[in-house]
Protein backbone atom coordinates (compact mmCIF):
# COMPACT_ATOMS: atom_id res chain seq x y z
CA MET A 1 33.36 22.93 -20.96
CA ASN A 2 34.47 23.24 -17.35
CA THR A 3 33.40 20.08 -15.48
CA ALA A 4 32.63 21.96 -12.26
CA PRO A 5 29.13 23.07 -13.34
CA GLU A 6 28.30 19.53 -14.45
CA ALA A 7 29.48 18.05 -11.15
CA ALA A 8 27.49 20.63 -9.19
CA LEU A 9 24.35 20.01 -11.26
CA ARG A 10 24.63 16.26 -10.93
CA GLU A 11 25.14 16.57 -7.17
CA ALA A 12 22.07 18.82 -6.90
CA VAL A 13 20.00 16.07 -8.51
CA GLU A 14 21.47 13.03 -6.78
CA SER A 15 21.48 14.55 -3.30
CA TYR A 16 17.74 15.29 -3.39
CA VAL A 17 15.96 13.27 -0.70
CA ASP A 18 12.73 11.86 -2.05
CA PRO A 19 10.05 12.37 0.63
CA TYR A 20 8.41 9.00 -0.03
CA LEU A 21 11.53 6.86 -0.26
CA GLY A 22 13.31 8.77 2.50
CA LEU A 23 16.49 8.33 0.47
CA GLU A 24 18.69 10.44 -1.75
CA LEU A 25 18.05 9.77 -5.42
CA ARG A 26 21.67 8.58 -5.54
CA ALA A 27 20.99 5.81 -3.03
CA ALA A 28 17.78 4.88 -4.82
CA GLY A 29 19.60 4.53 -8.15
CA ALA A 30 16.94 6.76 -9.70
CA LEU A 31 19.11 8.84 -12.05
CA ARG A 32 19.02 7.12 -15.45
CA ARG A 33 20.20 9.91 -17.73
CA PHE A 34 22.09 13.14 -17.21
CA ALA A 35 22.94 15.00 -20.42
CA LEU A 36 24.45 18.47 -20.33
CA ASP A 37 25.53 20.74 -23.17
CA ALA A 38 25.70 24.46 -23.75
CA GLU A 39 21.98 24.73 -24.46
CA GLN A 40 20.22 22.05 -22.46
CA LEU A 41 20.22 19.97 -19.31
CA ALA A 42 18.24 16.73 -19.76
CA ILE A 43 17.51 14.58 -16.72
CA SER A 44 15.70 11.22 -16.67
CA LEU A 45 14.65 9.62 -13.39
CA THR A 46 13.14 6.17 -12.82
CA LEU A 47 11.38 5.42 -9.54
CA GLY A 48 10.54 2.02 -8.11
CA PHE A 49 6.96 2.95 -7.30
CA PRO A 50 4.06 4.29 -9.42
CA ALA A 51 4.14 8.06 -9.81
CA ARG A 52 1.68 9.13 -12.49
CA HIS A 53 0.70 12.26 -10.58
CA TYR A 54 3.64 12.54 -8.21
CA ARG A 55 6.15 12.84 -11.05
CA THR A 56 4.99 16.40 -11.72
CA GLU A 57 5.79 17.34 -8.11
CA LEU A 58 9.17 15.60 -8.23
CA ALA A 59 10.15 17.20 -11.54
CA ALA A 60 9.25 20.63 -10.16
CA ALA A 61 11.32 20.03 -7.01
CA ILE A 62 14.35 18.93 -9.04
CA GLU A 63 14.03 21.87 -11.42
CA GLN A 64 13.93 24.25 -8.47
CA ARG A 65 17.25 22.81 -7.29
CA VAL A 66 19.07 22.87 -10.63
CA ARG A 67 17.64 26.07 -12.14
CA PRO A 68 20.04 28.45 -10.31
CA LEU A 69 23.00 26.35 -11.52
CA ALA A 70 21.79 25.75 -15.07
CA GLY A 71 22.13 29.36 -16.23
CA ALA A 72 20.47 30.00 -19.56
CA ARG A 73 20.20 26.29 -20.41
CA ARG A 74 16.80 24.74 -21.08
CA VAL A 75 15.98 22.16 -18.41
CA THR A 76 13.96 19.06 -19.19
CA ILE A 77 13.14 16.49 -16.52
CA ASP A 78 11.47 13.18 -17.30
CA VAL A 79 10.20 10.99 -14.44
CA ASP A 80 9.13 7.40 -15.06
CA TRP A 81 8.73 4.32 -12.89
CA GLN A 82 9.38 0.62 -13.04
CA ILE A 83 7.79 -1.71 -10.50
CA ALA A 84 9.86 -4.76 -9.65
CA ALA A 85 8.80 -8.03 -8.06
CA HIS A 86 10.09 -8.05 -4.50
CA GLY A 87 11.04 -10.96 -2.31
CA VAL A 88 8.57 -13.16 -0.44
CA GLN A 89 8.91 -15.67 2.38
CA ARG A 90 11.82 -18.01 1.75
CA ASN A 91 9.77 -21.20 1.40
CA LEU A 92 7.21 -19.73 -1.05
CA ARG A 93 7.17 -18.84 -4.72
CA PRO A 94 5.58 -15.68 -6.14
CA ILE A 95 2.34 -16.21 -8.03
CA GLN A 96 2.81 -15.90 -11.76
CA GLY A 97 1.77 -12.51 -13.07
CA ILE A 98 1.56 -10.87 -9.63
CA ARG A 99 4.65 -8.82 -8.89
CA ASN A 100 3.83 -7.99 -5.29
CA ILE A 101 1.24 -8.96 -2.69
CA ILE A 102 0.59 -6.45 0.08
CA ALA A 103 -1.31 -7.72 3.12
CA VAL A 104 -3.43 -5.17 4.99
CA ALA A 105 -3.97 -6.48 8.50
CA SER A 106 -5.19 -5.47 11.94
CA GLY A 107 -4.96 -7.06 15.32
CA LYS A 108 -8.69 -6.59 15.88
CA GLY A 109 -11.82 -5.65 13.96
CA GLY A 110 -13.45 -2.26 13.80
CA VAL A 111 -10.35 -0.18 13.10
CA GLY A 112 -11.16 0.59 9.44
CA LYS A 113 -8.92 -2.04 7.85
CA SER A 114 -11.19 -2.83 4.90
CA THR A 115 -11.79 0.84 4.10
CA THR A 116 -8.04 1.42 4.23
CA ALA A 117 -7.38 -1.58 1.97
CA ALA A 118 -9.90 -0.40 -0.63
CA ASN A 119 -8.53 3.14 -0.72
CA LEU A 120 -4.94 1.86 -0.77
CA ALA A 121 -5.74 -0.21 -3.86
CA LEU A 122 -7.46 2.74 -5.51
CA GLY A 123 -4.60 5.06 -4.59
CA LEU A 124 -2.12 2.73 -6.29
CA VAL A 125 -4.31 2.73 -9.42
CA HIS A 126 -4.50 6.53 -9.24
CA GLU A 127 -0.71 6.61 -9.45
CA GLY A 128 -0.61 4.31 -12.49
CA ALA A 129 -0.26 0.78 -11.12
CA SER A 130 -2.19 -2.33 -12.17
CA VAL A 131 -3.92 -3.56 -9.02
CA GLY A 132 -6.06 -6.38 -7.68
CA LEU A 133 -7.93 -6.56 -4.38
CA LEU A 134 -8.55 -9.87 -2.60
CA ASP A 135 -11.14 -9.78 0.17
CA ALA A 136 -9.78 -12.39 2.60
CA ASP A 137 -12.14 -11.40 5.41
CA ILE A 138 -14.16 -14.58 4.97
CA TYR A 139 -16.58 -13.97 7.87
CA GLY A 140 -17.36 -10.36 6.95
CA PRO A 141 -16.61 -9.79 3.25
CA SER A 142 -17.25 -6.09 2.65
CA GLN A 143 -15.27 -5.31 -0.50
CA PRO A 144 -18.05 -6.15 -3.01
CA SER A 145 -20.30 -3.54 -1.40
CA MET A 146 -17.50 -1.07 -0.73
CA MET A 147 -16.25 -1.22 -4.33
CA GLY A 148 -19.73 -0.86 -5.82
CA LEU A 149 -19.91 -4.47 -7.00
CA ALA A 150 -22.75 -5.78 -4.83
CA GLY A 151 -24.89 -8.25 -6.75
CA GLN A 152 -22.18 -9.07 -9.26
CA SER A 153 -20.26 -12.34 -9.50
CA PRO A 154 -17.14 -13.62 -11.22
CA THR A 155 -17.39 -15.49 -14.50
CA SER A 156 -15.73 -18.81 -15.29
CA PRO A 157 -14.86 -19.57 -18.92
CA ASP A 158 -13.60 -23.09 -18.20
CA GLN A 159 -15.21 -24.13 -14.87
CA ARG A 160 -11.73 -24.19 -13.32
CA THR A 161 -10.71 -20.54 -13.15
CA MET A 162 -12.56 -17.29 -12.47
CA ILE A 163 -12.43 -13.81 -13.96
CA ALA A 164 -12.72 -11.20 -11.25
CA PRO A 165 -15.21 -8.32 -11.50
CA VAL A 166 -13.56 -4.94 -12.04
CA ALA A 167 -14.36 -1.67 -10.28
CA TYR A 168 -12.52 1.58 -10.90
CA ASP A 169 -9.75 -0.38 -12.70
CA VAL A 170 -9.24 -2.68 -9.69
CA LYS A 171 -9.80 -6.42 -10.11
CA VAL A 172 -11.77 -7.55 -7.06
CA MET A 173 -12.27 -11.08 -5.74
CA SER A 174 -14.21 -11.97 -2.62
CA VAL A 175 -16.12 -14.88 -1.16
CA GLY A 176 -18.91 -12.31 -0.88
CA PHE A 177 -19.49 -12.77 -4.63
CA LEU A 178 -20.13 -16.48 -4.14
CA ILE A 179 -22.56 -16.56 -1.19
CA ASP A 180 -25.81 -14.89 -0.22
CA ALA A 181 -25.24 -11.60 1.57
CA GLU A 182 -27.08 -12.83 4.68
CA GLN A 183 -25.55 -16.32 4.74
CA PRO A 184 -23.35 -16.86 7.81
CA MET A 185 -19.95 -18.48 7.28
CA VAL A 186 -19.76 -21.28 9.83
CA TRP A 187 -16.48 -22.67 8.54
CA ARG A 188 -13.62 -23.80 10.72
CA GLY A 189 -10.11 -22.44 10.28
CA PRO A 190 -8.73 -25.03 7.78
CA MET A 191 -11.78 -24.57 5.52
CA VAL A 192 -11.32 -20.81 5.56
CA THR A 193 -7.66 -21.06 4.66
CA GLN A 194 -8.32 -23.54 1.88
CA ALA A 195 -11.09 -21.38 0.42
CA LEU A 196 -8.95 -18.24 0.41
CA VAL A 197 -5.94 -19.92 -1.15
CA GLN A 198 -8.25 -21.35 -3.80
CA LEU A 199 -9.71 -17.90 -4.49
CA LEU A 200 -6.21 -16.53 -4.86
CA GLU A 201 -4.91 -19.28 -7.10
CA THR A 202 -7.94 -19.84 -9.34
CA THR A 203 -8.60 -16.18 -10.15
CA ARG A 204 -7.26 -14.95 -13.47
CA TRP A 205 -5.51 -11.90 -12.13
CA GLY A 206 -3.51 -11.25 -15.30
CA GLU A 207 -0.49 -9.00 -14.88
CA LEU A 208 -0.62 -7.07 -11.61
CA ASP A 209 1.88 -4.72 -10.04
CA TYR A 210 0.18 -5.14 -6.68
CA LEU A 211 -2.42 -7.43 -5.18
CA VAL A 212 -3.81 -5.90 -1.99
CA VAL A 213 -5.12 -8.54 0.41
CA ASP A 214 -7.71 -7.41 2.96
CA MET A 215 -6.78 -9.87 5.72
CA PRO A 216 -9.20 -11.17 8.36
CA PRO A 217 -8.85 -9.25 11.62
CA GLY A 218 -6.94 -10.85 14.46
CA THR A 219 -3.84 -13.00 14.85
CA GLY A 220 -5.29 -16.49 15.15
CA ASP A 221 -4.66 -19.70 13.26
CA THR A 222 -6.31 -18.49 10.05
CA GLN A 223 -4.23 -15.33 9.86
CA LEU A 224 -1.01 -17.16 10.69
CA THR A 225 -1.67 -19.92 8.16
CA LEU A 226 -2.49 -17.39 5.44
CA SER A 227 0.69 -15.45 6.12
CA GLN A 228 2.62 -18.70 5.83
CA ARG A 229 0.94 -19.90 2.61
CA VAL A 230 0.46 -16.68 0.64
CA PRO A 231 3.66 -15.21 -0.88
CA VAL A 232 3.54 -11.73 0.63
CA SER A 233 6.03 -8.99 -0.24
CA GLY A 234 5.04 -6.68 2.61
CA ALA A 235 2.39 -5.99 5.23
CA VAL A 236 0.57 -2.86 6.40
CA ILE A 237 -0.79 -2.78 9.95
CA VAL A 238 -3.94 -0.72 10.57
CA THR A 239 -4.75 0.46 14.08
CA THR A 240 -6.38 3.30 15.97
CA PRO A 241 -4.58 5.37 18.62
CA GLN A 242 -6.50 3.56 21.36
CA ASP A 243 -4.29 1.54 23.72
CA ILE A 244 -6.31 -1.67 23.36
CA ALA A 245 -6.20 -1.48 19.56
CA LEU A 246 -2.45 -0.85 19.69
CA LEU A 247 -1.96 -3.87 21.95
CA ASP A 248 -3.57 -6.11 19.32
CA ALA A 249 -1.80 -4.32 16.46
CA ARG A 250 1.54 -5.18 18.05
CA LYS A 251 0.59 -8.85 17.94
CA GLY A 252 -0.19 -8.54 14.23
CA LEU A 253 3.13 -6.85 13.57
CA ARG A 254 5.05 -9.54 15.43
CA MET A 255 3.17 -12.28 13.59
CA PHE A 256 4.40 -10.98 10.25
CA GLN A 257 7.93 -10.65 11.60
CA LYS A 258 7.87 -14.28 12.70
CA VAL A 259 6.96 -15.50 9.20
CA GLU A 260 9.58 -13.24 7.56
CA VAL A 261 7.19 -10.77 5.96
CA PRO A 262 8.53 -7.19 5.99
CA VAL A 263 6.20 -4.77 7.77
CA LEU A 264 6.04 -1.74 5.48
CA GLY A 265 4.51 0.45 8.13
CA ILE A 266 1.60 1.39 10.33
CA VAL A 267 -1.59 3.26 9.45
CA GLU A 268 -3.18 5.08 12.36
CA ASN A 269 -6.86 5.30 11.50
CA MET A 270 -9.38 7.54 13.28
CA SER A 271 -6.42 9.62 14.39
CA THR A 272 -8.48 12.72 14.99
CA HIS A 273 -12.07 13.90 14.53
CA VAL A 274 -13.08 17.30 13.19
CA CYS A 275 -16.68 18.28 13.91
CA SER A 276 -18.55 18.87 10.66
CA ASN A 277 -20.61 21.64 12.31
CA CYS A 278 -18.14 23.72 14.31
CA GLY A 279 -14.74 22.51 13.11
CA HIS A 280 -13.56 21.54 16.61
CA GLU A 281 -10.81 18.91 16.46
CA GLU A 282 -10.67 16.20 19.08
CA HIS A 283 -8.58 13.05 19.61
CA ILE A 284 -11.43 10.73 20.51
CA PHE A 285 -9.31 7.56 20.67
CA GLY A 286 -6.16 9.15 22.06
CA SER A 287 -3.22 10.61 20.19
CA GLY A 288 0.22 9.57 19.00
CA GLY A 289 -0.20 5.85 19.62
CA GLY A 290 0.58 4.81 16.06
CA ARG A 291 3.67 7.02 15.95
CA ARG A 292 4.97 5.62 19.22
CA MET A 293 4.41 2.07 18.02
CA ALA A 294 6.21 2.80 14.75
CA GLU A 295 9.16 4.21 16.64
CA GLN A 296 9.19 1.27 19.05
CA TYR A 297 9.42 -1.31 16.27
CA GLY A 298 11.51 0.72 13.84
CA VAL A 299 8.91 0.85 11.06
CA ASP A 300 7.35 3.72 9.15
CA LEU A 301 4.20 5.55 10.13
CA LEU A 302 2.54 5.53 6.72
CA ALA A 303 -0.48 7.69 7.51
CA GLU A 304 -2.56 9.30 10.23
CA LEU A 305 -6.09 9.25 8.85
CA PRO A 306 -9.03 11.17 10.36
CA LEU A 307 -12.37 9.94 11.60
CA ASP A 308 -14.65 11.61 9.07
CA ILE A 309 -18.27 10.83 8.24
CA ARG A 310 -17.57 11.24 4.51
CA ILE A 311 -15.23 8.24 4.52
CA ARG A 312 -18.02 6.05 5.87
CA GLU A 313 -20.65 7.51 3.55
CA GLN A 314 -18.47 7.09 0.48
CA ALA A 315 -17.56 3.50 1.34
CA ASP A 316 -21.20 2.62 1.99
CA SER A 317 -22.20 4.12 -1.37
CA GLY A 318 -19.70 1.96 -3.27
CA ARG A 319 -17.47 4.93 -4.18
CA PRO A 320 -14.53 5.02 -1.76
CA THR A 321 -12.86 8.33 -1.03
CA VAL A 322 -10.09 8.09 -3.65
CA VAL A 323 -12.78 7.70 -6.32
CA ALA A 324 -15.37 10.07 -4.84
CA GLU A 325 -13.05 12.95 -3.88
CA PRO A 326 -9.49 12.37 -5.13
CA ASP A 327 -8.60 16.07 -4.87
CA SER A 328 -9.99 16.56 -1.36
CA ALA A 329 -7.81 16.50 1.75
CA LEU A 330 -9.16 13.02 2.52
CA GLY A 331 -8.50 11.74 -0.99
CA ARG A 332 -4.98 13.15 -0.98
CA ALA A 333 -4.32 11.47 2.39
CA TYR A 334 -5.15 8.05 0.95
CA ILE A 335 -3.16 8.71 -2.23
CA ASP A 336 -0.23 9.76 -0.06
CA LEU A 337 -0.63 6.48 1.85
CA ALA A 338 -0.47 4.55 -1.42
CA ARG A 339 2.69 6.37 -2.48
CA ARG A 340 4.37 5.77 0.87
CA THR A 341 3.41 2.10 0.91
CA ALA A 342 4.68 1.46 -2.62
CA ALA A 343 7.84 3.48 -2.00
CA ARG A 344 8.55 1.62 1.22
CA LEU A 345 8.17 -1.68 -0.63
CA ALA A 346 10.53 -0.43 -3.34
CA ARG A 347 13.01 0.50 -0.65
CA THR A 348 13.17 -3.10 0.61
CA ALA A 349 15.06 -3.98 -2.59
CA LEU A 350 17.66 -1.37 -1.65
CA GLU A 351 18.23 -3.01 1.75
CA PRO A 352 19.40 -6.51 0.75
CA ASN A 353 21.53 -6.91 3.83
CA ALA A 354 18.75 -6.20 6.28
CA PRO A 355 18.50 -9.39 8.36
CA PHE A 356 15.27 -11.23 8.81
CA PRO A 357 14.19 -11.47 12.42
CA SER A 358 15.00 -14.73 14.09
CA ILE A 359 11.99 -17.00 14.54
CA THR A 360 11.35 -18.17 18.07
CA MET A 361 8.52 -20.13 19.59
CA GLU A 362 6.90 -18.66 22.67
CA ASP A 363 3.73 -19.13 24.68
CA THR A 364 1.15 -16.37 24.26
């Protein structure tokens, strides 16, 4: 058989730019099998991020590219994924069984970080990953309520380790399980850090593809110490378009850079508001701030999420948006965020020569 058709078909596959990776499949090393004969073209792709639902979209896009070149051949496209353990800070070791830890952080409170963390975890599960969620917001632990686990508590089979409660296939651990809901946490920074590291290390997480850590808001001693002691593969910064929120978000981004944690991207929350009565759209907190920040620091803008009353209602009811309305525009936005976050983390393995930022000490 003339090799020209095979070369053209292979090029059509390998030159496809995956919208989540932002890379050609060739550069991503995704093509695992390419078999061509007179009757059939069989293609097998392996992605580095979970794609249980996305693989249908990808297979359709690839078939659309190769169909005009395949003639009368039958085309079969198989898409799978394999999630690798990615690098962490140089002086730390990964935690056994946990392939990747993703920190969700914000420079200040009130920007929707915890809601974003919960829906990110659920979006990763939706796409086929095994996921845990650690509520590290010690002063305002909201994940037990948000994940529908209020009133539950972890079990301990040996008085040394804990088994985390599970909600919607996510293993959840929080100090909120261990204290009264109205009990104030009057701990100083070192006690907070010690408690969170103990929660992380004594929980029986099992085998996880991702552990999403809902970090405390801010960039103080607790946040810095946690980012130095927890082996993090990547961080997501949550902000609103408001200038003051962006100012604090920049501090959070630079903190992770200083401790050699890759910033996977920025989530602009409350990007726009659509009136539930008349449909009028308004940028209450400004517009484009997250995109400008992403461009300034050379990181991805992972999502622009709306200010919508349903997000709040669903979180308050213990059924976050990805669970309550996965097929809605809001649900798809969070699932898209999960895909982009996981794909961006997978891409870090394809950039081994990317230098870490130099660490400098400066007065702030």
